[in-house]
Amino acid sequence: MGDWVAKTALFEQFARVGKALGSPTRLELVDLLAQGERTVEQLAGAAHLAVNTTSAHLQTLKRAHLVSTRRQGTRIYYTLAGDDVAGLYVQLRTVAQSHLADTEAARRAYLGLTGSAEDPAVEEVDRDELLQRVRDGQAVVLDVRPAEEYTHGHIPGAISIPIDKLPDRLAELPTDRNIVAYCRGGYCVFAYDAVRQLRARGYHATRLSQGILEWRLAGLPVTTSAA
């Protein structure tokens, strides 16, 4: 017979992870940290939060050992404690998508999907198709995340043009090849917006079905360099 006190203590440890992730704000911080390490101030700016609020949420994640820190001078940088944390975050989203009907409606509303077959952002390619198109010289890969996220890791050969800079930098993109845009992950709106903008200006653009998070977790190569 098992020791019920010991069993309860074990399950309490499992629950610590669930409790730490039981906040939409903390999930957003995990989503941002999956792109690379950041300071409290950087995370607060990206998540549109007060610095003290961001710090409190990060401490909750740290107590559950889901994030780790390093100090550089007076700055403290936060990062996910491991790829398994990123993988858990992806699995959480997948379970919600599979079992909660409201998730799909929320996803479509956030990504601006109207259900119309004419929406250019609906068209997508998977990782294998992207790799084949790049090998054949038929596609250019476009990373539309913020520049600092690109520097932390991107698909090899990808051009960095943050989504807010795209209208002013269209001349950097070829008109004779397919442009495949990607961003943070499968639920990131930047790539959807990029495809809509590019198609409206006559470019042949499609979207990678997932993003750098799923790419990295699949064990595919990632390059670290300046934008």
Protein backbone atom coordinates (compact mmCIF):
# COMPACT_ATOMS: atom_id res chain seq x y z
CA MET A 1 0.00 0.00 0.00
CA GLY A 2 1.25 3.44 -0.84
CA ASP A 3 1.76 6.19 1.68
CA TRP A 4 -1.13 8.62 1.01
CA VAL A 5 0.66 11.48 2.74
CA ALA A 6 3.70 10.97 0.52
CA LYS A 7 1.49 10.64 -2.55
CA THR A 8 -0.29 13.89 -1.74
CA ALA A 9 3.06 15.60 -1.29
CA LEU A 10 4.14 14.33 -4.70
CA PHE A 11 1.01 15.60 -6.41
CA GLU A 12 1.45 18.93 -4.69
CA GLN A 13 4.74 19.27 -6.54
CA PHE A 14 3.01 18.59 -9.84
CA ALA A 15 0.38 21.18 -8.92
CA ARG A 16 3.05 23.82 -8.41
CA VAL A 17 3.67 23.83 -12.15
CA GLY A 18 -0.04 24.00 -12.94
CA LYS A 19 -0.57 26.86 -10.51
CA ALA A 20 2.36 28.81 -11.90
CA LEU A 21 0.95 28.51 -15.42
CA GLY A 22 -2.62 29.24 -14.28
CA SER A 23 -2.58 32.86 -15.42
CA PRO A 24 -3.01 34.31 -18.93
CA THR A 25 -0.40 36.93 -18.11
CA ARG A 26 2.19 34.37 -17.06
CA LEU A 27 1.45 32.30 -20.16
CA GLU A 28 2.13 35.37 -22.28
CA LEU A 29 5.44 35.86 -20.48
CA VAL A 30 6.32 32.22 -21.19
CA ASP A 31 5.41 32.82 -24.83
CA LEU A 32 7.77 35.81 -24.97
CA LEU A 33 10.58 34.01 -23.14
CA ALA A 34 10.31 31.14 -25.62
CA GLN A 35 11.81 33.61 -28.12
CA GLY A 36 14.90 34.26 -25.98
CA GLU A 37 16.04 35.81 -22.74
CA ARG A 38 14.84 39.27 -21.70
CA THR A 39 14.96 41.67 -18.81
CA VAL A 40 11.94 42.56 -16.72
CA GLU A 41 11.75 45.91 -18.48
CA GLN A 42 11.82 44.31 -21.93
CA LEU A 43 9.13 41.82 -20.98
CA ALA A 44 6.98 44.55 -19.46
CA GLY A 45 7.20 46.58 -22.65
CA ALA A 46 6.41 43.64 -24.91
CA ALA A 47 3.46 42.53 -22.76
CA HIS A 48 2.19 46.07 -22.09
CA LEU A 49 2.46 45.59 -18.33
CA ALA A 50 3.84 47.62 -15.45
CA VAL A 51 7.35 46.58 -14.46
CA ASN A 52 6.35 45.69 -10.88
CA THR A 53 3.46 43.53 -12.16
CA THR A 54 5.77 41.76 -14.58
CA SER A 55 8.32 41.17 -11.84
CA ALA A 56 5.71 39.62 -9.55
CA HIS A 57 4.57 37.20 -12.25
CA LEU A 58 8.16 36.27 -13.06
CA GLN A 59 8.81 35.48 -9.41
CA THR A 60 5.86 33.07 -9.44
CA LEU A 61 7.34 31.33 -12.49
CA LYS A 62 10.78 31.29 -10.87
CA ARG A 63 9.48 29.73 -7.64
CA ALA A 64 8.12 26.88 -9.77
CA HIS A 65 11.52 26.65 -11.48
CA LEU A 66 10.00 27.34 -14.89
CA VAL A 67 12.32 30.28 -15.53
CA SER A 68 15.92 30.92 -14.58
CA THR A 69 17.95 34.11 -14.31
CA ARG A 70 21.42 35.47 -14.89
CA ARG A 71 22.89 38.79 -13.86
CA GLN A 72 24.89 41.04 -16.17
CA GLY A 73 25.98 44.18 -14.38
CA THR A 74 22.88 45.71 -12.86
CA ARG A 75 20.50 43.87 -15.16
CA ILE A 76 18.84 40.52 -14.54
CA TYR A 77 17.91 38.45 -17.56
CA TYR A 78 15.14 35.85 -17.49
CA THR A 79 14.94 32.78 -19.67
CA LEU A 80 12.90 29.57 -19.75
CA ALA A 81 14.44 26.88 -17.57
CA GLY A 82 14.59 24.44 -20.48
CA ASP A 83 13.10 23.32 -23.77
CA ASP A 84 10.79 21.07 -21.77
CA VAL A 85 9.06 24.20 -20.43
CA ALA A 86 8.55 25.47 -23.97
CA GLY A 87 7.28 22.03 -24.95
CA LEU A 88 4.83 22.02 -22.04
CA TYR A 89 3.53 25.42 -23.16
CA VAL A 90 2.97 24.10 -26.69
CA GLN A 91 1.19 21.02 -25.34
CA LEU A 92 -1.03 23.17 -23.14
CA ARG A 93 -2.14 25.15 -26.20
CA THR A 94 -2.75 21.95 -28.16
CA VAL A 95 -4.92 20.47 -25.41
CA ALA A 96 -6.92 23.69 -25.14
CA GLN A 97 -7.40 23.76 -28.93
CA SER A 98 -8.52 20.12 -28.94
CA HIS A 99 -10.86 20.15 -25.95
CA LEU A 100 -12.16 23.69 -25.44
CA ALA A 101 -14.54 24.82 -28.16
CA ASP A 102 -14.12 28.46 -27.18
CA THR A 103 -10.41 28.31 -28.00
CA GLU A 104 -11.00 28.16 -31.75
CA ALA A 105 -13.35 31.14 -31.70
CA ALA A 106 -10.83 33.12 -29.65
CA ARG A 107 -8.01 32.09 -31.99
CA ARG A 108 -9.86 33.19 -35.10
CA ALA A 109 -10.87 36.50 -33.55
CA TYR A 110 -7.30 37.28 -32.49
CA LEU A 111 -5.79 36.32 -35.84
CA GLY A 112 -8.43 38.22 -37.81
CA LEU A 113 -9.73 35.13 -39.58
CA THR A 114 -13.16 35.74 -41.01
CA GLY A 115 -13.71 32.32 -42.53
CA SER A 116 -13.47 33.74 -46.02
CA ALA A 117 -11.53 31.63 -48.53
CA GLU A 118 -10.31 34.92 -50.00
CA ASP A 119 -8.27 35.78 -46.90
CA PRO A 120 -4.65 35.44 -48.13
CA ALA A 121 -3.41 34.64 -44.63
CA VAL A 122 -5.26 31.31 -44.74
CA GLU A 123 -2.74 29.92 -47.23
CA GLU A 124 0.17 28.23 -45.48
CA VAL A 125 3.04 25.81 -46.03
CA ASP A 126 4.46 23.32 -43.55
CA ARG A 127 8.11 22.99 -42.57
CA ASP A 128 8.92 20.29 -45.12
CA GLU A 129 7.41 22.30 -47.96
CA LEU A 130 9.30 25.41 -46.88
CA LEU A 131 12.63 23.55 -46.81
CA GLN A 132 11.95 22.11 -50.27
CA ARG A 133 11.07 25.51 -51.73
CA VAL A 134 14.21 27.07 -50.27
CA ARG A 135 16.38 24.26 -51.65
CA ASP A 136 14.80 24.76 -55.08
CA GLY A 137 15.39 28.51 -54.93
CA GLN A 138 11.67 29.20 -55.10
CA ALA A 139 11.17 30.90 -51.75
CA VAL A 140 12.56 33.59 -49.49
CA VAL A 141 11.99 33.22 -45.74
CA LEU A 142 10.83 36.34 -43.92
CA ASP A 143 11.03 36.73 -40.13
CA VAL A 144 8.59 39.44 -39.01
CA ARG A 145 9.26 39.31 -35.27
CA PRO A 146 10.94 42.19 -33.42
CA ALA A 147 14.65 42.46 -34.24
CA GLU A 148 15.80 41.38 -30.76
CA GLU A 149 13.89 38.11 -31.10
CA TYR A 150 15.50 37.48 -34.48
CA THR A 151 18.95 37.86 -32.93
CA HIS A 152 18.16 35.22 -30.30
CA GLY A 153 17.51 32.65 -33.02
CA HIS A 154 15.95 32.42 -36.47
CA ILE A 155 15.53 30.10 -39.43
CA PRO A 156 18.83 30.01 -41.35
CA GLY A 157 18.83 32.46 -44.23
CA ALA A 158 15.70 34.29 -43.06
CA ILE A 159 15.46 38.02 -43.76
CA SER A 160 14.54 40.12 -40.72
CA ILE A 161 11.90 42.78 -41.28
CA PRO A 162 9.78 43.42 -38.17
CA ILE A 163 6.09 43.67 -38.95
CA ASP A 164 5.94 47.36 -38.00
CA LYS A 165 8.77 48.13 -40.46
CA LEU A 166 7.42 46.07 -43.35
CA PRO A 167 5.61 48.87 -45.29
CA ASP A 168 8.84 50.91 -45.45
CA ARG A 169 11.14 48.03 -46.41
CA LEU A 170 9.26 46.28 -49.18
CA ALA A 171 12.03 47.09 -51.66
CA GLU A 172 14.28 44.60 -49.83
CA LEU A 173 12.05 41.71 -50.89
CA PRO A 174 12.17 40.00 -54.30
CA THR A 175 9.12 40.08 -56.52
CA ASP A 176 9.98 36.93 -58.49
CA ARG A 177 9.89 34.40 -55.64
CA ASN A 178 7.45 33.22 -53.03
CA ILE A 179 7.88 34.94 -49.67
CA VAL A 180 7.15 32.69 -46.69
CA ALA A 181 6.56 34.70 -43.51
CA TYR A 182 6.84 33.33 -40.00
CA CYS A 183 6.85 34.70 -36.46
CA ARG A 184 6.79 33.39 -32.89
CA GLY A 185 4.52 30.38 -33.20
CA GLY A 186 1.27 28.99 -34.48
CA TYR A 187 -0.76 31.56 -32.57
CA CYS A 188 1.31 34.63 -33.49
CA VAL A 189 -0.53 37.31 -35.47
CA PHE A 190 2.52 38.95 -37.09
CA ALA A 191 2.87 36.45 -39.93
CA TYR A 192 -0.85 36.67 -40.73
CA ASP A 193 -0.62 40.45 -40.95
CA ALA A 194 2.54 40.24 -43.08
CA VAL A 195 0.93 37.97 -45.65
CA ARG A 196 -2.09 40.25 -45.92
CA GLN A 197 0.11 43.31 -46.41
CA LEU A 198 2.37 41.63 -48.97
CA ARG A 199 -0.48 40.17 -51.01
CA ALA A 200 -2.19 43.57 -51.08
CA ARG A 201 0.97 45.00 -52.67
CA GLY A 202 1.29 42.32 -55.31
CA TYR A 203 3.79 39.97 -53.68
CA HIS A 204 3.29 36.21 -53.76
CA ALA A 205 3.32 35.55 -50.03
CA THR A 206 2.35 32.60 -47.87
CA ARG A 207 2.70 31.81 -44.19
CA LEU A 208 4.64 29.09 -42.40
CA SER A 209 2.01 27.00 -40.64
CA GLN A 210 3.88 27.27 -37.35
CA GLY A 211 6.65 29.50 -36.03
CA ILE A 212 10.15 29.54 -34.64
CA LEU A 213 9.04 27.95 -31.37
CA GLU A 214 7.75 24.80 -33.05
CA TRP A 215 10.68 24.87 -35.49
CA ARG A 216 13.15 24.87 -32.61
CA LEU A 217 11.33 22.14 -30.69
CA ALA A 218 11.35 19.98 -33.83
CA GLY A 219 15.15 20.02 -33.68
CA LEU A 220 15.57 22.00 -36.90
CA PRO A 221 18.59 24.32 -37.28
CA VAL A 222 18.44 27.79 -35.77
CA THR A 223 20.91 30.59 -36.47
CA THR A 224 21.88 33.30 -33.99
CA SER A 225 23.08 36.55 -35.51
CA ALA A 226 22.38 40.27 -35.75
CA ALA A 227 19.38 41.50 -37.70
